[in-house]
Protein backbone atom coordinates (compact mmCIF):
# COMPACT_ATOMS: atom_id res chain seq x y z
CA MET A 1 30.83 -4.30 -21.03
CA ARG A 2 32.49 -3.89 -24.38
CA THR A 3 34.87 -1.31 -22.93
CA LEU A 4 35.82 -3.72 -20.15
CA GLN A 5 36.58 -6.46 -22.68
CA ASP A 6 38.71 -4.05 -24.71
CA ALA A 7 40.58 -3.02 -21.56
CA SER A 8 41.29 -6.69 -20.76
CA ARG A 9 44.00 -6.54 -23.46
CA TYR A 10 46.01 -4.42 -21.02
CA ASP A 11 45.06 -6.22 -17.78
CA ALA A 12 43.93 -9.87 -17.77
CA ARG A 13 41.95 -9.47 -14.54
CA LEU A 14 39.52 -7.13 -16.32
CA GLY A 15 38.60 -9.99 -18.67
CA GLY A 16 37.40 -12.04 -15.67
CA PHE A 17 35.27 -9.11 -14.52
CA ALA A 18 33.77 -8.79 -17.99
CA GLN A 19 32.86 -12.48 -18.03
CA SER A 20 31.27 -12.23 -14.57
CA LEU A 21 29.22 -9.22 -15.65
CA GLU A 22 28.11 -10.95 -18.83
CA SER A 23 27.00 -14.00 -16.85
CA ALA A 24 25.13 -11.80 -14.36
CA LEU A 25 23.40 -9.96 -17.22
CA ILE A 26 22.18 -13.27 -18.67
CA ASP A 27 20.84 -14.30 -15.23
CA VAL A 28 19.02 -10.97 -14.80
CA GLU A 29 17.43 -11.27 -18.24
CA ASP A 30 16.25 -14.82 -17.42
CA VAL A 31 14.70 -13.70 -14.14
CA ALA A 32 13.03 -10.72 -15.84
CA SER A 33 11.49 -13.06 -18.42
CA GLU A 34 10.20 -15.40 -15.70
CA LEU A 35 8.72 -12.45 -13.77
CA ARG A 36 6.91 -11.23 -16.90
CA SER A 37 5.42 -14.70 -17.35
CA TYR A 38 4.39 -14.80 -13.69
CA ALA A 39 2.78 -11.34 -13.89
CA ASP A 40 0.72 -12.48 -16.89
CA GLU A 41 -0.70 -15.37 -14.83
CA VAL A 42 -1.64 -13.29 -11.75
CA GLU A 43 -5.31 -12.27 -11.56
CA PHE A 44 -6.12 -8.85 -10.09
CA ASP A 45 -9.58 -8.12 -8.70
CA PRO A 46 -9.96 -4.52 -7.49
CA GLU A 47 -13.22 -5.27 -5.63
CA SER A 48 -11.62 -8.14 -3.72
CA LEU A 49 -8.64 -5.94 -2.87
CA GLU A 50 -10.95 -3.19 -1.58
CA ALA A 51 -12.85 -5.73 0.57
CA MET A 52 -9.55 -6.96 2.04
CA HIS A 53 -8.47 -3.37 2.79
CA ALA A 54 -11.79 -2.68 4.53
CA ARG A 55 -11.48 -5.84 6.62
CA MET A 56 -7.87 -4.99 7.54
CA SER A 57 -9.00 -1.51 8.62
CA GLN A 58 -11.70 -3.03 10.85
CA LEU A 59 -9.21 -5.42 12.42
CA GLN A 60 -6.71 -2.63 13.02
CA GLY A 61 -9.46 -0.61 14.74
CA LEU A 62 -10.18 -3.55 17.03
CA LEU A 63 -6.49 -3.92 17.80
CA ARG A 64 -6.22 -0.22 18.69
CA ALA A 65 -9.29 -0.47 20.92
CA PHE A 66 -8.74 -3.77 22.70
CA GLY A 67 -5.13 -4.83 22.64
CA PRO A 68 -1.85 -5.01 20.85
CA ARG A 69 -2.45 -8.63 19.75
CA MET A 70 -5.35 -10.37 18.05
CA GLU A 71 -5.50 -12.80 21.00
CA ASP A 72 -6.40 -9.80 23.20
CA VAL A 73 -9.25 -8.84 20.87
CA LEU A 74 -10.60 -12.38 20.68
CA GLY A 75 -10.21 -12.89 24.41
CA ALA A 76 -12.21 -9.75 25.23
CA ARG A 77 -15.21 -10.36 22.96
CA ARG A 78 -18.63 -11.11 24.38
CA PRO A 79 -20.17 -14.42 23.31
CA GLY A 80 -23.49 -14.24 21.53
CA ARG A 81 -23.14 -10.76 20.03
CA SER A 82 -22.49 -10.11 16.39
CA TRP A 83 -19.70 -7.76 15.41
CA ARG A 84 -20.30 -4.54 13.48
CA PRO A 85 -17.64 -2.22 12.14
CA PRO A 86 -17.27 1.06 14.02
CA ALA A 87 -19.28 4.03 12.75
CA THR A 88 -16.07 5.94 12.07
CA ALA A 89 -12.85 4.53 10.74
CA ALA A 90 -10.73 5.83 13.60
CA ARG A 91 -11.49 6.69 17.20
CA PRO A 92 -10.02 9.90 18.56
CA SER A 93 -6.96 9.21 20.65
CA VAL A 94 -7.69 12.17 22.92
CA VAL A 95 -10.98 12.41 24.80
CA PRO A 96 -12.54 15.88 24.45
CA ALA A 97 -12.80 17.95 27.63
CA GLY A 98 -15.99 17.30 29.53
CA ARG A 99 -16.31 13.72 28.25
CA CYS A 100 -13.84 12.14 30.68
CA ARG A 101 -15.03 9.75 33.35
CA GLY A 102 -14.51 11.20 36.79
CA PRO A 103 -12.45 14.24 37.75
CA ARG A 104 -9.23 14.98 35.94
CA PRO A 105 -6.05 13.96 37.74
CA PHE A 106 -4.03 16.78 39.32
CA SER A 107 -6.89 19.25 39.00
CA PRO A 108 -8.58 20.99 41.90
CA GLY A 109 -10.99 18.58 43.54
CA ALA A 110 -9.45 15.52 41.90
CA ARG A 111 -8.83 12.37 43.87
CA THR A 112 -5.24 11.80 44.82
CA ARG A 113 -5.29 8.41 43.13
CA TRP A 114 -6.42 8.15 39.52
CA THR A 115 -8.57 5.13 38.74
CA ARG A 116 -8.64 3.68 35.26
CA PRO A 117 -12.11 3.09 33.77
CA GLU A 118 -13.23 -0.49 33.10
CA PRO A 119 -11.88 -1.78 29.75
CA ARG A 120 -14.39 -2.12 26.96
CA ARG A 121 -15.06 -5.57 25.58
CA PRO A 122 -15.30 -6.03 21.81
CA PRO A 123 -18.44 -7.53 20.35
CA SER A 124 -18.32 -11.06 18.96
CA LEU A 125 -16.86 -11.49 15.49
CA PRO A 126 -19.05 -13.11 12.82
CA GLY A 127 -18.66 -16.87 12.55
CA GLY A 128 -17.28 -17.20 16.05
């Protein structure tokens, strides 16, 4: 900044740039001070954060299993059942051989028309 002010002796426009930079520097320092004050006031609870991450993981598992939107998950739940998190965090996206329902499509002995299995319904969520 000092160099820019010194160079303004040779070109007046550089003095305007130096003033703009100085003003911007003051604004940045003010914002930094306000952010430090804000950070001092914020409370951080690691246990609460971990509980929120676990809940988010459960909800994402339900979204993967029952629909792209939360409305799909809520619409497919069975009334009267309580919800439990899945035993594993993630379901395999590929069904192992021998665990498929019905014959494989395009394999010898397969039906010419593939039928999709009935969709699973999620259990009821707590409090709902």
